[in-house]
C-alpha atoms as a PDB file:
ATOM      1  CA  UNK A   1      94.990  62.941  50.341  1.00  0.00           C
ATOM      2  CA  UNK A   2      95.475  60.147  52.883  1.00  0.00           C
ATOM      3  CA  UNK A   3      92.564  58.499  54.676  1.00  0.00           C
ATOM      4  CA  UNK A   4      94.278  59.585  57.897  1.00  0.00           C
ATOM      5  CA  UNK A   5      92.903  63.060  57.256  1.00  0.00           C
ATOM      6  CA  UNK A   6      89.220  62.158  57.214  1.00  0.00           C
ATOM      7  CA  UNK A   7      86.989  64.410  59.243  1.00  0.00           C
ATOM      8  CA  UNK A   8      83.419  63.706  60.223  1.00  0.00           C
ATOM      9  CA  UNK A   9      81.664  66.861  61.321  1.00  0.00           C
ATOM     10  CA  UNK A  10      78.470  65.454  59.812  1.00  0.00           C
ATOM     11  CA  UNK A  11      77.793  63.412  62.966  1.00  0.00           C
ATOM     12  CA  UNK A  12      77.635  66.510  65.101  1.00  0.00           C
ATOM     13  CA  UNK A  13      74.692  66.736  67.461  1.00  0.00           C
ATOM     14  CA  UNK A  14      73.482  70.035  66.044  1.00  0.00           C
ATOM     15  CA  UNK A  15      73.712  72.377  63.092  1.00  0.00           C
ATOM     16  CA  UNK A  16      75.189  75.035  65.332  1.00  0.00           C
ATOM     17  CA  UNK A  17      78.665  76.003  64.205  1.00  0.00           C
ATOM     18  CA  UNK A  18      79.484  77.550  67.568  1.00  0.00           C
ATOM     19  CA  UNK A  19      80.489  74.673  69.797  1.00  0.00           C
ATOM     20  CA  UNK A  20      81.089  74.785  73.521  1.00  0.00           C
ATOM     21  CA  UNK A  21      83.584  73.197  75.842  1.00  0.00           C
ATOM     22  CA  UNK A  22      83.675  72.608  79.558  1.00  0.00           C
ATOM     23  CA  UNK A  23      86.551  71.692  81.857  1.00  0.00           C
ATOM     24  CA  UNK A  24      86.040  69.291  84.746  1.00  0.00           C
ATOM     25  CA  UNK A  25      88.837  70.037  87.164  1.00  0.00           C
ATOM     26  CA  UNK A  26      88.050  67.707  90.073  1.00  0.00           C
ATOM     27  CA  UNK A  27      91.425  65.927  89.792  1.00  0.00           C
ATOM     28  CA  UNK A  28      93.378  68.932  88.678  1.00  0.00           C
ATOM     29  CA  UNK A  29      96.740  70.164  89.930  1.00  0.00           C
ATOM     30  CA  UNK A  30      97.609  72.942  87.494  1.00  0.00           C
ATOM     31  CA  UNK A  31      96.781  76.652  87.357  1.00  0.00           C
ATOM     32  CA  UNK A  32      93.100  76.905  86.342  1.00  0.00           C
ATOM     33  CA  UNK A  33      93.389  80.300  84.618  1.00  0.00           C
ATOM     34  CA  UNK A  34      96.335  79.146  82.497  1.00  0.00           C
ATOM     35  CA  UNK A  35      94.534  75.912  81.728  1.00  0.00           C
ATOM     36  CA  UNK A  36      91.399  77.664  80.501  1.00  0.00           C
ATOM     37  CA  UNK A  37      93.545  79.965  78.347  1.00  0.00           C
ATOM     38  CA  UNK A  38      95.484  77.080  76.826  1.00  0.00           C
ATOM     39  CA  UNK A  39      92.352  75.047  76.164  1.00  0.00           C
ATOM     40  CA  UNK A  40      90.685  78.016  74.439  1.00  0.00           C
ATOM     41  CA  UNK A  41      93.871  78.593  72.393  1.00  0.00           C
ATOM     42  CA  UNK A  42      93.788  74.937  71.312  1.00  0.00           C
ATOM     43  CA  UNK A  43      90.184  75.300  70.137  1.00  0.00           C
ATOM     44  CA  UNK A  44      91.069  78.606  68.446  1.00  0.00           C
ATOM     45  CA  UNK A  45      93.841  76.811  66.538  1.00  0.00           C
ATOM     46  CA  UNK A  46      91.201  74.566  64.971  1.00  0.00           C
ATOM     47  CA  UNK A  47      88.699  77.398  64.519  1.00  0.00           C
ATOM     48  CA  UNK A  48      91.179  79.253  62.333  1.00  0.00           C
ATOM     49  CA  UNK A  49      90.904  76.420  59.745  1.00  0.00           C
ATOM     50  CA  UNK A  50      87.231  75.529  60.048  1.00  0.00           C
ATOM     51  CA  UNK A  51      83.928  77.318  59.853  1.00  0.00           C
ATOM     52  CA  UNK A  52      83.465  76.546  63.536  1.00  0.00           C
ATOM     53  CA  UNK A  53      83.878  78.721  66.581  1.00  0.00           C
ATOM     54  CA  UNK A  54      84.434  77.452  70.087  1.00  0.00           C
ATOM     55  CA  UNK A  55      83.684  79.016  73.440  1.00  0.00           C
ATOM     56  CA  UNK A  56      83.725  77.918  77.039  1.00  0.00           C
ATOM     57  CA  UNK A  57      80.290  76.798  78.242  1.00  0.00           C
ATOM     58  CA  UNK A  58      78.667  78.287  81.294  1.00  0.00           C
ATOM     59  CA  UNK A  59      78.185  76.102  84.355  1.00  0.00           C
ATOM     60  CA  UNK A  60      74.519  75.599  83.426  1.00  0.00           C
ATOM     61  CA  UNK A  61      75.091  74.632  79.774  1.00  0.00           C
ATOM     62  CA  UNK A  62      75.601  71.185  78.356  1.00  0.00           C
ATOM     63  CA  UNK A  63      78.897  71.293  76.443  1.00  0.00           C
ATOM     64  CA  UNK A  64      79.792  69.769  73.085  1.00  0.00           C
ATOM     65  CA  UNK A  65      83.295  68.977  74.360  1.00  0.00           C
ATOM     66  CA  UNK A  66      83.968  67.820  77.914  1.00  0.00           C
ATOM     67  CA  UNK A  67      87.587  68.013  78.991  1.00  0.00           C
ATOM     68  CA  UNK A  68      88.476  66.016  82.070  1.00  0.00           C
ATOM     69  CA  UNK A  69      91.638  65.653  84.110  1.00  0.00           C
ATOM     70  CA  UNK A  70      91.643  62.128  85.520  1.00  0.00           C
ATOM     71  CA  UNK A  71      94.007  59.383  86.612  1.00  0.00           C
ATOM     72  CA  UNK A  72      94.105  55.582  86.521  1.00  0.00           C
ATOM     73  CA  UNK A  73      90.724  53.978  85.818  1.00  0.00           C
ATOM     74  CA  UNK A  74      88.335  56.810  85.036  1.00  0.00           C
ATOM     75  CA  UNK A  75      85.040  55.607  83.533  1.00  0.00           C
ATOM     76  CA  UNK A  76      86.190  54.473  80.098  1.00  0.00           C
ATOM     77  CA  UNK A  77      88.096  51.458  78.793  1.00  0.00           C
ATOM     78  CA  UNK A  78      91.398  53.360  78.567  1.00  0.00           C
ATOM     79  CA  UNK A  79      92.915  53.762  82.057  1.00  0.00           C
ATOM     80  CA  UNK A  80      95.853  56.109  82.437  1.00  0.00           C
ATOM     81  CA  UNK A  81      99.209  54.581  83.308  1.00  0.00           C
ATOM     82  CA  UNK A  82     100.727  57.333  85.464  1.00  0.00           C
ATOM     83  CA  UNK A  83     103.369  59.962  84.863  1.00  0.00           C
ATOM     84  CA  UNK A  84     105.446  59.779  81.676  1.00  0.00           C
ATOM     85  CA  UNK A  85     103.010  57.429  79.972  1.00  0.00           C
ATOM     86  CA  UNK A  86      99.911  58.149  77.944  1.00  0.00           C
ATOM     87  CA  UNK A  87      99.233  61.891  78.240  1.00  0.00           C
ATOM     88  CA  UNK A  88      95.626  62.039  77.076  1.00  0.00           C
ATOM     89  CA  UNK A  89      93.011  60.486  74.841  1.00  0.00           C
ATOM     90  CA  UNK A  90      89.860  61.567  73.044  1.00  0.00           C
ATOM     91  CA  UNK A  91      87.001  59.976  71.197  1.00  0.00           C
ATOM     92  CA  UNK A  92      85.955  60.524  67.568  1.00  0.00           C
ATOM     93  CA  UNK A  93      82.534  61.888  66.594  1.00  0.00           C
ATOM     94  CA  UNK A  94      81.047  58.440  65.934  1.00  0.00           C
ATOM     95  CA  UNK A  95      82.048  57.016  69.351  1.00  0.00           C
ATOM     96  CA  UNK A  96      79.691  56.691  72.307  1.00  0.00           C
ATOM     97  CA  UNK A  97      81.994  59.029  74.312  1.00  0.00           C
ATOM     98  CA  UNK A  98      82.221  61.580  71.480  1.00  0.00           C
ATOM     99  CA  UNK A  99      83.271  65.007  72.668  1.00  0.00           C
ATOM    100  CA  UNK A 100      85.160  63.720  75.705  1.00  0.00           C
ATOM    101  CA  UNK A 101      88.840  64.572  76.031  1.00  0.00           C
ATOM    102  CA  UNK A 102      90.686  63.033  78.980  1.00  0.00           C
ATOM    103  CA  UNK A 103      94.046  64.273  80.286  1.00  0.00           C
ATOM    104  CA  UNK A 104      96.192  62.322  82.740  1.00  0.00           C
ATOM    105  CA  UNK A 105      96.260  64.500  85.847  1.00  0.00           C
ATOM    106  CA  UNK A 106      99.474  62.843  87.070  1.00  0.00           C
ATOM    107  CA  UNK A 107     101.480  64.292  84.167  1.00  0.00           C
ATOM    108  CA  UNK A 108     103.471  67.505  84.460  1.00  0.00           C
ATOM    109  CA  UNK A 109     101.577  70.125  82.436  1.00  0.00           C
ATOM    110  CA  UNK A 110     103.118  73.358  81.219  1.00  0.00           C
ATOM    111  CA  UNK A 111     102.426  76.410  79.100  1.00  0.00           C
ATOM    112  CA  UNK A 112     106.047  76.535  77.894  1.00  0.00           C
ATOM    113  CA  UNK A 113     107.329  75.311  74.530  1.00  0.00           C
ATOM    114  CA  UNK A 114     110.330  73.401  75.831  1.00  0.00           C
ATOM    115  CA  UNK A 115     111.207  69.911  77.030  1.00  0.00           C
ATOM    116  CA  UNK A 116     110.177  70.542  80.642  1.00  0.00           C
ATOM    117  CA  UNK A 117     106.727  69.083  81.181  1.00  0.00           C
ATOM    118  CA  UNK A 118     104.058  68.633  78.533  1.00  0.00           C
ATOM    119  CA  UNK A 119     102.604  71.652  76.798  1.00  0.00           C
ATOM    120  CA  UNK A 120      98.884  71.536  77.500  1.00  0.00           C
ATOM    121  CA  UNK A 121      97.918  73.550  74.415  1.00  0.00           C
ATOM    122  CA  UNK A 122      99.741  71.126  72.116  1.00  0.00           C
ATOM    123  CA  UNK A 123      98.258  68.032  73.736  1.00  0.00           C
ATOM    124  CA  UNK A 124      94.790  69.616  73.790  1.00  0.00           C
ATOM    125  CA  UNK A 125      95.072  70.589  70.095  1.00  0.00           C
ATOM    126  CA  UNK A 126      96.043  67.015  69.241  1.00  0.00           C
ATOM    127  CA  UNK A 127      93.165  65.517  71.213  1.00  0.00           C
ATOM    128  CA  UNK A 128      90.652  68.035  69.847  1.00  0.00           C
ATOM    129  CA  UNK A 129      91.771  66.889  66.396  1.00  0.00           C
ATOM    130  CA  UNK A 130      90.683  63.368  67.358  1.00  0.00           C
ATOM    131  CA  UNK A 131      87.377  64.722  68.680  1.00  0.00           C
ATOM    132  CA  UNK A 132      86.854  66.397  65.298  1.00  0.00           C
ATOM    133  CA  UNK A 133      87.447  63.075  63.547  1.00  0.00           C
ATOM    134  CA  UNK A 134      91.131  63.166  62.611  1.00  0.00           C
ATOM    135  CA  UNK A 135      93.408  60.181  63.108  1.00  0.00           C
ATOM    136  CA  UNK A 136      97.153  60.033  63.718  1.00  0.00           C
ATOM    137  CA  UNK A 137      99.418  60.619  60.747  1.00  0.00           C
ATOM    138  CA  UNK A 138     103.060  59.892  59.924  1.00  0.00           C
ATOM    139  CA  UNK A 139     104.209  63.515  59.656  1.00  0.00           C
ATOM    140  CA  UNK A 140     106.447  64.249  62.652  1.00  0.00           C
ATOM    141  CA  UNK A 141     105.824  67.972  62.110  1.00  0.00           C
ATOM    142  CA  UNK A 142     102.061  67.541  62.452  1.00  0.00           C
ATOM    143  CA  UNK A 143      99.968  68.130  65.555  1.00  0.00           C
ATOM    144  CA  UNK A 144      98.313  64.785  64.690  1.00  0.00           C
ATOM    145  CA  UNK A 145     101.578  62.844  64.858  1.00  0.00           C
ATOM    146  CA  UNK A 146     101.124  59.921  67.270  1.00  0.00           C
ATOM    147  CA  UNK A 147     103.902  60.942  69.671  1.00  0.00           C
ATOM    148  CA  UNK A 148     104.184  64.097  71.762  1.00  0.00           C
ATOM    149  CA  UNK A 149     106.707  66.626  70.523  1.00  0.00           C
ATOM    150  CA  UNK A 150     107.093  70.363  70.857  1.00  0.00           C
ATOM    151  CA  UNK A 151     105.754  72.403  67.930  1.00  0.00           C
ATOM    152  CA  UNK A 152     105.557  76.170  67.888  1.00  0.00           C
ATOM    153  CA  UNK A 153     101.951  77.395  67.533  1.00  0.00           C
ATOM    154  CA  UNK A 154     102.521  78.900  64.073  1.00  0.00           C
ATOM    155  CA  UNK A 155     103.558  75.442  62.812  1.00  0.00           C
ATOM    156  CA  UNK A 156     100.878  73.401  64.552  1.00  0.00           C
ATOM    157  CA  UNK A 157      98.621  72.513  61.646  1.00  0.00           C
ATOM    158  CA  UNK A 158     100.555  71.324  58.609  1.00  0.00           C
ATOM    159  CA  UNK A 159      99.551  72.074  55.061  1.00  0.00           C
ATOM    160  CA  UNK A 160      97.672  68.773  54.604  1.00  0.00           C
ATOM    161  CA  UNK A 161      95.427  69.407  57.608  1.00  0.00           C
ATOM    162  CA  UNK A 162      94.832  73.040  56.647  1.00  0.00           C
ATOM    163  CA  UNK A 163      93.741  71.965  53.155  1.00  0.00           C
ATOM    164  CA  UNK A 164      91.003  69.742  54.585  1.00  0.00           C
ATOM    165  CA  UNK A 165      89.421  72.510  56.557  1.00  0.00           C
ATOM    166  CA  UNK A 166      89.682  75.092  53.799  1.00  0.00           C
ATOM    167  CA  UNK A 167      87.700  72.737  51.536  1.00  0.00           C
ATOM    168  CA  UNK A 168      83.944  73.310  51.302  1.00  0.00           C
ATOM    169  CA  UNK A 169      82.363  72.546  54.637  1.00  0.00           C
ATOM    170  CA  UNK A 170      79.696  69.804  54.548  1.00  0.00           C
ATOM    171  CA  UNK A 171      76.317  70.481  56.123  1.00  0.00           C
ATOM    172  CA  UNK A 172      75.954  69.267  59.672  1.00  0.00           C
ATOM    173  CA  UNK A 173      73.276  66.668  60.279  1.00  0.00           C
ATOM    174  CA  UNK A 174      71.111  66.525  63.341  1.00  0.00           C
ATOM    175  CA  UNK A 175      70.948  63.216  65.140  1.00  0.00           C
ATOM    176  CA  UNK A 176      67.589  62.092  66.508  1.00  0.00           C
END
């Protein structure tokens, strides 16, 4: 198995296998209900191959994953470049910004599986993969392929990725 498929759940902040997510929609121009549905579907895609579950955090809770729609310079060293450029980025578990997933709010987001706009579920699934510790791979049929492309949900996680998460799950370590 390639080193591109390394996952690092062991740096999680807790031993809880139910993780939460929260959407910051201050710079958001897309339907909020559809967005929440697509984000939850993206987490559910990963949950189906891990021993993790994901749910949306309440307003009062601190979330394990913070999803933000932003544009231009937005508090990290990776500014967005505007429409039709970089769609999103996320940080791996060992990074200072672990758990943060940033989407470019100037992009055209969609819930359709066609070439009009960018399917939010697909991009979110890809970025969540990074947040879980996965890197890009060379398989153009993989959700972790470096370039955006339309994949039907049933084909989103290729065999190699599924095999990782079906393997015995390591214990999660608490950080101080």
